Amino acid sequence: MRLLSLGRLGLDELVSDHLKTWVEEDRPGVWRRSPSDYIVFLGLPALCGSVVVLRGIRIWSPDALLAGASIITGLLFGLLIHVLSLGLQLEGNDRVAPGSRLAILVGELRANVAWSCGVGLVLSGLLAGAGSFVKDLDKVGINPVYTGIVCALTVHLGLTLMMILKRVRSSYKMLSK
C-alpha cells in the first residue's frame, strides 16, 4: 500500500491531456508535436519570471492578484462544466462523428480548460500563502523568486486562456456551418 497516492488527484492525466493538445497538423490526419507551443507556453513564462527575479521585483500586496486569480479560476470551473456538457451532447449527436475535427477540438478545449483550472488553483494557493505567511508584507514584500514564480504562472495562464479562446472560436465556426 502506498502512503501517498496522487493518482486520485488525476494530475498525470491533467498534464498529459493538456500537452497532447500541443500539436500541429502537417497534412490531413498527420499530426506532430509543436515546438513553438513549448517555446510560447513554457519559454515565455519562464523568461518573464526570470526577468522579475533578476530585477528583484516584489509583490507588495497580493490581495488584488489573489482576487483576480480566484475569480478567473471560478469562471474556468464553470466553463469546464459547460464544455463537458457540450462534449456529451456531441457524443449523442448523429451529425458529429466520434473522430471528427469538431469532436477532437472540443476534447482539446476540455483538456485546456481543465489545465487552466489547475494552474488557477495553484496560482491562487501561492498568492493566498504569500499573503498569509509573510510578516510585515507591506514593509518587506514577497521574495523576488516567489514573485517570479507567480509571474510565470500568471503569464502561462494568460497564454492558455488565449488558446482556449482560439478553440472556442474554432468550435463555433465548425458548429455554425
C-alpha atoms as a PDB file:
ATOM      1  CA  MET A   1       0.000   0.000   0.000  1.00  0.00           C
ATOM      2  CA  ARG A   2       1.350   3.369  -0.973  1.00  0.00           C
ATOM      3  CA  LEU A   3       1.295   6.035   1.689  1.00  0.00           C
ATOM      4  CA  LEU A   4       0.767   8.837  -0.781  1.00  0.00           C
ATOM      5  CA  SER A   5      -1.238   8.211  -3.920  1.00  0.00           C
ATOM      6  CA  LEU A   6      -1.513  11.182  -6.230  1.00  0.00           C
ATOM      7  CA  GLY A   7      -3.331   9.066  -8.804  1.00  0.00           C
ATOM      8  CA  ARG A   8      -6.654  10.011  -7.240  1.00  0.00           C
ATOM      9  CA  LEU A   9      -5.915  13.655  -7.979  1.00  0.00           C
ATOM     10  CA  GLY A  10      -5.563  12.899 -11.680  1.00  0.00           C
ATOM     11  CA  LEU A  11      -2.567  15.192 -12.063  1.00  0.00           C
ATOM     12  CA  ASP A  12      -0.816  12.941 -14.571  1.00  0.00           C
ATOM     13  CA  GLU A  13      -3.904  12.898 -16.824  1.00  0.00           C
ATOM     14  CA  LEU A  14      -4.364  16.631 -16.393  1.00  0.00           C
ATOM     15  CA  VAL A  15      -0.828  17.290 -17.613  1.00  0.00           C
ATOM     16  CA  SER A  16      -0.759  14.668 -20.374  1.00  0.00           C
ATOM     17  CA  ASP A  17      -4.185  15.668 -21.760  1.00  0.00           C
ATOM     18  CA  HIS A  18      -3.090  19.295 -21.954  1.00  0.00           C
ATOM     19  CA  LEU A  19       0.282  18.509 -23.553  1.00  0.00           C
ATOM     20  CA  LYS A  20      -1.419  16.312 -26.159  1.00  0.00           C
ATOM     21  CA  THR A  21      -3.093  19.468 -27.477  1.00  0.00           C
ATOM     22  CA  TRP A  22       0.280  20.992 -28.358  1.00  0.00           C
ATOM     23  CA  VAL A  23       0.281  19.544 -31.868  1.00  0.00           C
ATOM     24  CA  GLU A  24       0.096  20.818 -35.426  1.00  0.00           C
ATOM     25  CA  GLU A  25      -1.444  19.132 -38.427  1.00  0.00           C
ATOM     26  CA  ASP A  26       1.161  18.841 -41.191  1.00  0.00           C
ATOM     27  CA  ARG A  27      -1.356  17.432 -43.642  1.00  0.00           C
ATOM     28  CA  PRO A  28      -4.800  15.897 -43.128  1.00  0.00           C
ATOM     29  CA  GLY A  29      -4.528  13.189 -40.480  1.00  0.00           C
ATOM     30  CA  VAL A  30      -0.781  13.670 -39.851  1.00  0.00           C
ATOM     31  CA  TRP A  31      -0.006  15.378 -36.532  1.00  0.00           C
ATOM     32  CA  ARG A  32       3.296  16.310 -34.911  1.00  0.00           C
ATOM     33  CA  ARG A  33       4.392  17.961 -31.692  1.00  0.00           C
ATOM     34  CA  SER A  34       4.574  21.733 -31.945  1.00  0.00           C
ATOM     35  CA  PRO A  35       7.953  23.115 -30.825  1.00  0.00           C
ATOM     36  CA  SER A  36       6.551  26.641 -30.990  1.00  0.00           C
ATOM     37  CA  ASP A  37       3.899  25.744 -28.388  1.00  0.00           C
ATOM     38  CA  TYR A  38       6.613  24.621 -25.986  1.00  0.00           C
ATOM     39  CA  ILE A  39       8.509  27.859 -26.566  1.00  0.00           C
ATOM     40  CA  VAL A  40       5.427  30.055 -26.137  1.00  0.00           C
ATOM     41  CA  PHE A  41       3.711  28.254 -23.251  1.00  0.00           C
ATOM     42  CA  LEU A  42       6.811  27.308 -21.261  1.00  0.00           C
ATOM     43  CA  GLY A  43       9.654  29.515 -22.504  1.00  0.00           C
ATOM     44  CA  LEU A  44       7.881  32.866 -22.479  1.00  0.00           C
ATOM     45  CA  PRO A  45       6.528  32.471 -18.918  1.00  0.00           C
ATOM     46  CA  ALA A  46       9.960  31.274 -17.749  1.00  0.00           C
ATOM     47  CA  LEU A  47      11.577  34.293 -19.401  1.00  0.00           C
ATOM     48  CA  CYS A  48       9.116  36.711 -17.760  1.00  0.00           C
ATOM     49  CA  GLY A  49       9.577  35.066 -14.373  1.00  0.00           C
ATOM     50  CA  SER A  50      13.368  35.187 -14.773  1.00  0.00           C
ATOM     51  CA  VAL A  51      13.282  38.893 -15.588  1.00  0.00           C
ATOM     52  CA  VAL A  52      11.243  39.500 -12.423  1.00  0.00           C
ATOM     53  CA  VAL A  53      13.767  37.550 -10.331  1.00  0.00           C
ATOM     54  CA  LEU A  54      16.835  39.198 -11.895  1.00  0.00           C
ATOM     55  CA  ARG A  55      15.380  42.682 -11.478  1.00  0.00           C
ATOM     56  CA  GLY A  56      14.434  41.950  -7.859  1.00  0.00           C
ATOM     57  CA  ILE A  57      10.774  42.836  -8.366  1.00  0.00           C
ATOM     58  CA  ARG A  58       8.495  42.088  -5.429  1.00  0.00           C
ATOM     59  CA  ILE A  59       4.766  41.759  -4.937  1.00  0.00           C
ATOM     60  CA  TRP A  60       3.804  44.184  -2.199  1.00  0.00           C
ATOM     61  CA  SER A  61       0.107  43.418  -1.982  1.00  0.00           C
ATOM     62  CA  PRO A  62      -1.058  40.042  -3.322  1.00  0.00           C
ATOM     63  CA  ASP A  63      -4.705  40.721  -2.407  1.00  0.00           C
ATOM     64  CA  ALA A  64      -5.770  42.092  -5.799  1.00  0.00           C
ATOM     65  CA  LEU A  65      -3.871  39.366  -7.648  1.00  0.00           C
ATOM     66  CA  LEU A  66      -5.471  36.725  -5.425  1.00  0.00           C
ATOM     67  CA  ALA A  67      -8.936  38.128  -6.067  1.00  0.00           C
ATOM     68  CA  GLY A  68      -8.360  38.169  -9.822  1.00  0.00           C
ATOM     69  CA  ALA A  69      -6.873  34.669  -9.937  1.00  0.00           C
ATOM     70  CA  SER A  70      -9.691  33.303  -7.797  1.00  0.00           C
ATOM     71  CA  ILE A  71     -12.398  34.874  -9.948  1.00  0.00           C
ATOM     72  CA  ILE A  72     -10.814  33.634 -13.177  1.00  0.00           C
ATOM     73  CA  THR A  73     -10.417  30.145 -11.703  1.00  0.00           C
ATOM     74  CA  GLY A  74     -14.055  30.071 -10.606  1.00  0.00           C
ATOM     75  CA  LEU A  75     -15.203  31.136 -14.060  1.00  0.00           C
ATOM     76  CA  LEU A  76     -12.966  28.486 -15.613  1.00  0.00           C
ATOM     77  CA  PHE A  77     -14.596  25.797 -13.481  1.00  0.00           C
ATOM     78  CA  GLY A  78     -17.982  26.933 -14.814  1.00  0.00           C
ATOM     79  CA  LEU A  79     -16.629  26.800 -18.367  1.00  0.00           C
ATOM     80  CA  LEU A  80     -15.236  23.313 -17.721  1.00  0.00           C
ATOM     81  CA  ILE A  81     -18.681  22.041 -16.739  1.00  0.00           C
ATOM     82  CA  HIS A  82     -20.174  23.671 -19.839  1.00  0.00           C
ATOM     83  CA  VAL A  83     -17.537  22.129 -22.132  1.00  0.00           C
ATOM     84  CA  LEU A  84     -18.146  18.748 -20.510  1.00  0.00           C
ATOM     85  CA  SER A  85     -21.876  19.007 -21.239  1.00  0.00           C
ATOM     86  CA  LEU A  86     -21.115  20.126 -24.811  1.00  0.00           C
ATOM     87  CA  GLY A  87     -18.883  17.092 -25.291  1.00  0.00           C
ATOM     88  CA  LEU A  88     -21.636  14.808 -24.000  1.00  0.00           C
ATOM     89  CA  GLN A  89     -24.153  16.406 -26.377  1.00  0.00           C
ATOM     90  CA  LEU A  90     -21.789  15.892 -29.315  1.00  0.00           C
ATOM     91  CA  GLU A  91     -21.356  12.213 -28.422  1.00  0.00           C
ATOM     92  CA  GLY A  92     -25.097  11.701 -28.743  1.00  0.00           C
ATOM     93  CA  ASN A  93     -25.377  13.711 -31.960  1.00  0.00           C
ATOM     94  CA  ASP A  94     -25.627  11.643 -35.138  1.00  0.00           C
ATOM     95  CA  ARG A  95     -24.312  14.531 -37.250  1.00  0.00           C
ATOM     96  CA  VAL A  96     -20.944  14.574 -35.449  1.00  0.00           C
ATOM     97  CA  ALA A  97     -18.685  11.558 -35.990  1.00  0.00           C
ATOM     98  CA  PRO A  98     -16.658  10.453 -32.923  1.00  0.00           C
ATOM     99  CA  GLY A  99     -13.291  11.171 -34.592  1.00  0.00           C
ATOM    100  CA  SER A 100     -14.365  14.315 -36.395  1.00  0.00           C
ATOM    101  CA  ARG A 101     -12.372  17.517 -36.187  1.00  0.00           C
ATOM    102  CA  LEU A 102     -15.132  19.101 -34.076  1.00  0.00           C
ATOM    103  CA  ALA A 103     -15.119  16.236 -31.565  1.00  0.00           C
ATOM    104  CA  ILE A 104     -11.320  16.437 -31.325  1.00  0.00           C
ATOM    105  CA  LEU A 105     -11.442  20.218 -30.920  1.00  0.00           C
ATOM    106  CA  VAL A 106     -13.980  20.011 -28.073  1.00  0.00           C
ATOM    107  CA  GLY A 107     -11.817  17.358 -26.379  1.00  0.00           C
ATOM    108  CA  GLU A 108      -8.792  19.635 -26.679  1.00  0.00           C
ATOM    109  CA  LEU A 109     -10.840  22.525 -25.321  1.00  0.00           C
ATOM    110  CA  ARG A 110     -11.816  20.418 -22.311  1.00  0.00           C
ATOM    111  CA  ALA A 111      -8.161  19.499 -21.705  1.00  0.00           C
ATOM    112  CA  ASN A 112      -7.050  23.146 -21.908  1.00  0.00           C
ATOM    113  CA  VAL A 113      -9.819  24.428 -19.636  1.00  0.00           C
ATOM    114  CA  ALA A 114      -9.124  21.679 -17.075  1.00  0.00           C
ATOM    115  CA  TRP A 115      -5.408  22.574 -17.147  1.00  0.00           C
ATOM    116  CA  SER A 116      -6.249  26.256 -16.673  1.00  0.00           C
ATOM    117  CA  CYS A 117      -8.365  25.374 -13.648  1.00  0.00           C
ATOM    118  CA  GLY A 118      -5.375  23.549 -12.164  1.00  0.00           C
ATOM    119  CA  VAL A 119      -2.996  26.431 -12.883  1.00  0.00           C
ATOM    120  CA  GLY A 120      -5.511  28.881 -11.410  1.00  0.00           C
ATOM    121  CA  LEU A 121      -5.796  26.798  -8.242  1.00  0.00           C
ATOM    122  CA  VAL A 122      -2.015  26.671  -7.836  1.00  0.00           C
ATOM    123  CA  LEU A 123      -1.704  30.395  -8.525  1.00  0.00           C
ATOM    124  CA  SER A 124      -4.476  31.216  -6.037  1.00  0.00           C
ATOM    125  CA  GLY A 125      -2.868  28.964  -3.438  1.00  0.00           C
ATOM    126  CA  LEU A 126       0.532  30.606  -3.881  1.00  0.00           C
ATOM    127  CA  LEU A 127      -0.948  34.090  -3.596  1.00  0.00           C
ATOM    128  CA  ALA A 128      -3.030  33.165  -0.548  1.00  0.00           C
ATOM    129  CA  GLY A 129       0.022  31.613   1.071  1.00  0.00           C
ATOM    130  CA  ALA A 130       2.134  34.659   0.328  1.00  0.00           C
ATOM    131  CA  GLY A 131      -0.414  36.981   1.867  1.00  0.00           C
ATOM    132  CA  SER A 132      -0.912  34.764   4.893  1.00  0.00           C
ATOM    133  CA  PHE A 133       2.593  33.781   5.892  1.00  0.00           C
ATOM    134  CA  VAL A 134       4.745  36.838   5.231  1.00  0.00           C
ATOM    135  CA  LYS A 135       5.084  39.005   8.303  1.00  0.00           C
ATOM    136  CA  ASP A 136       5.034  42.755   7.649  1.00  0.00           C
ATOM    137  CA  LEU A 137       4.248  42.194   3.973  1.00  0.00           C
ATOM    138  CA  ASP A 138       3.752  45.903   3.318  1.00  0.00           C
ATOM    139  CA  LYS A 139       7.336  46.562   4.521  1.00  0.00           C
ATOM    140  CA  VAL A 140       9.295  43.632   3.044  1.00  0.00           C
ATOM    141  CA  GLY A 141       7.196  42.477   0.076  1.00  0.00           C
ATOM    142  CA  ILE A 142       7.222  38.977  -1.297  1.00  0.00           C
ATOM    143  CA  ASN A 143      10.547  37.367  -2.168  1.00  0.00           C
ATOM    144  CA  PRO A 144      11.554  38.047  -5.821  1.00  0.00           C
ATOM    145  CA  VAL A 145      11.883  34.312  -6.563  1.00  0.00           C
ATOM    146  CA  TYR A 146       8.353  33.699  -5.289  1.00  0.00           C
ATOM    147  CA  THR A 147       7.190  36.740  -7.259  1.00  0.00           C
ATOM    148  CA  GLY A 148       8.900  35.335 -10.372  1.00  0.00           C
ATOM    149  CA  ILE A 149       7.045  32.045  -9.976  1.00  0.00           C
ATOM    150  CA  VAL A 150       3.750  33.913  -9.605  1.00  0.00           C
ATOM    151  CA  CYS A 151       4.603  35.992 -12.676  1.00  0.00           C
ATOM    152  CA  ALA A 152       5.459  32.900 -14.751  1.00  0.00           C
ATOM    153  CA  LEU A 153       2.232  31.150 -13.735  1.00  0.00           C
ATOM    154  CA  THR A 154       0.193  34.269 -14.482  1.00  0.00           C
ATOM    155  CA  VAL A 155       1.726  34.634 -17.956  1.00  0.00           C
ATOM    156  CA  HIS A 156       1.236  30.916 -18.614  1.00  0.00           C
ATOM    157  CA  LEU A 157      -2.407  31.139 -17.514  1.00  0.00           C
ATOM    158  CA  GLY A 158      -2.985  34.158 -19.746  1.00  0.00           C
ATOM    159  CA  LEU A 159      -1.477  32.380 -22.752  1.00  0.00           C
ATOM    160  CA  THR A 160      -3.548  29.280 -22.075  1.00  0.00           C
ATOM    161  CA  LEU A 161      -6.680  31.433 -21.873  1.00  0.00           C
ATOM    162  CA  MET A 162      -5.801  32.800 -25.304  1.00  0.00           C
ATOM    163  CA  MET A 163      -5.532  29.202 -26.574  1.00  0.00           C
ATOM    164  CA  ILE A 164      -8.946  28.467 -25.071  1.00  0.00           C
ATOM    165  CA  LEU A 165     -10.438  31.492 -26.826  1.00  0.00           C
ATOM    166  CA  LYS A 166      -8.996  30.261 -30.117  1.00  0.00           C
ATOM    167  CA  ARG A 167     -10.516  26.801 -29.613  1.00  0.00           C
ATOM    168  CA  VAL A 168     -13.910  28.270 -28.663  1.00  0.00           C
ATOM    169  CA  ARG A 169     -13.832  30.434 -31.781  1.00  0.00           C
ATOM    170  CA  SER A 170     -12.850  27.464 -33.963  1.00  0.00           C
ATOM    171  CA  SER A 171     -15.565  25.277 -32.417  1.00  0.00           C
ATOM    172  CA  TYR A 172     -18.159  27.947 -33.040  1.00  0.00           C
ATOM    173  CA  LYS A 173     -17.101  28.241 -36.684  1.00  0.00           C
ATOM    174  CA  MET A 174     -17.478  24.482 -37.115  1.00  0.00           C
ATOM    175  CA  LEU A 175     -20.840  24.381 -35.343  1.00  0.00           C
ATOM    176  CA  SER A 176     -22.235  27.287 -37.326  1.00  0.00           C
ATOM    177  CA  LYS A 177     -21.605  25.666 -40.731  1.00  0.00           C
END
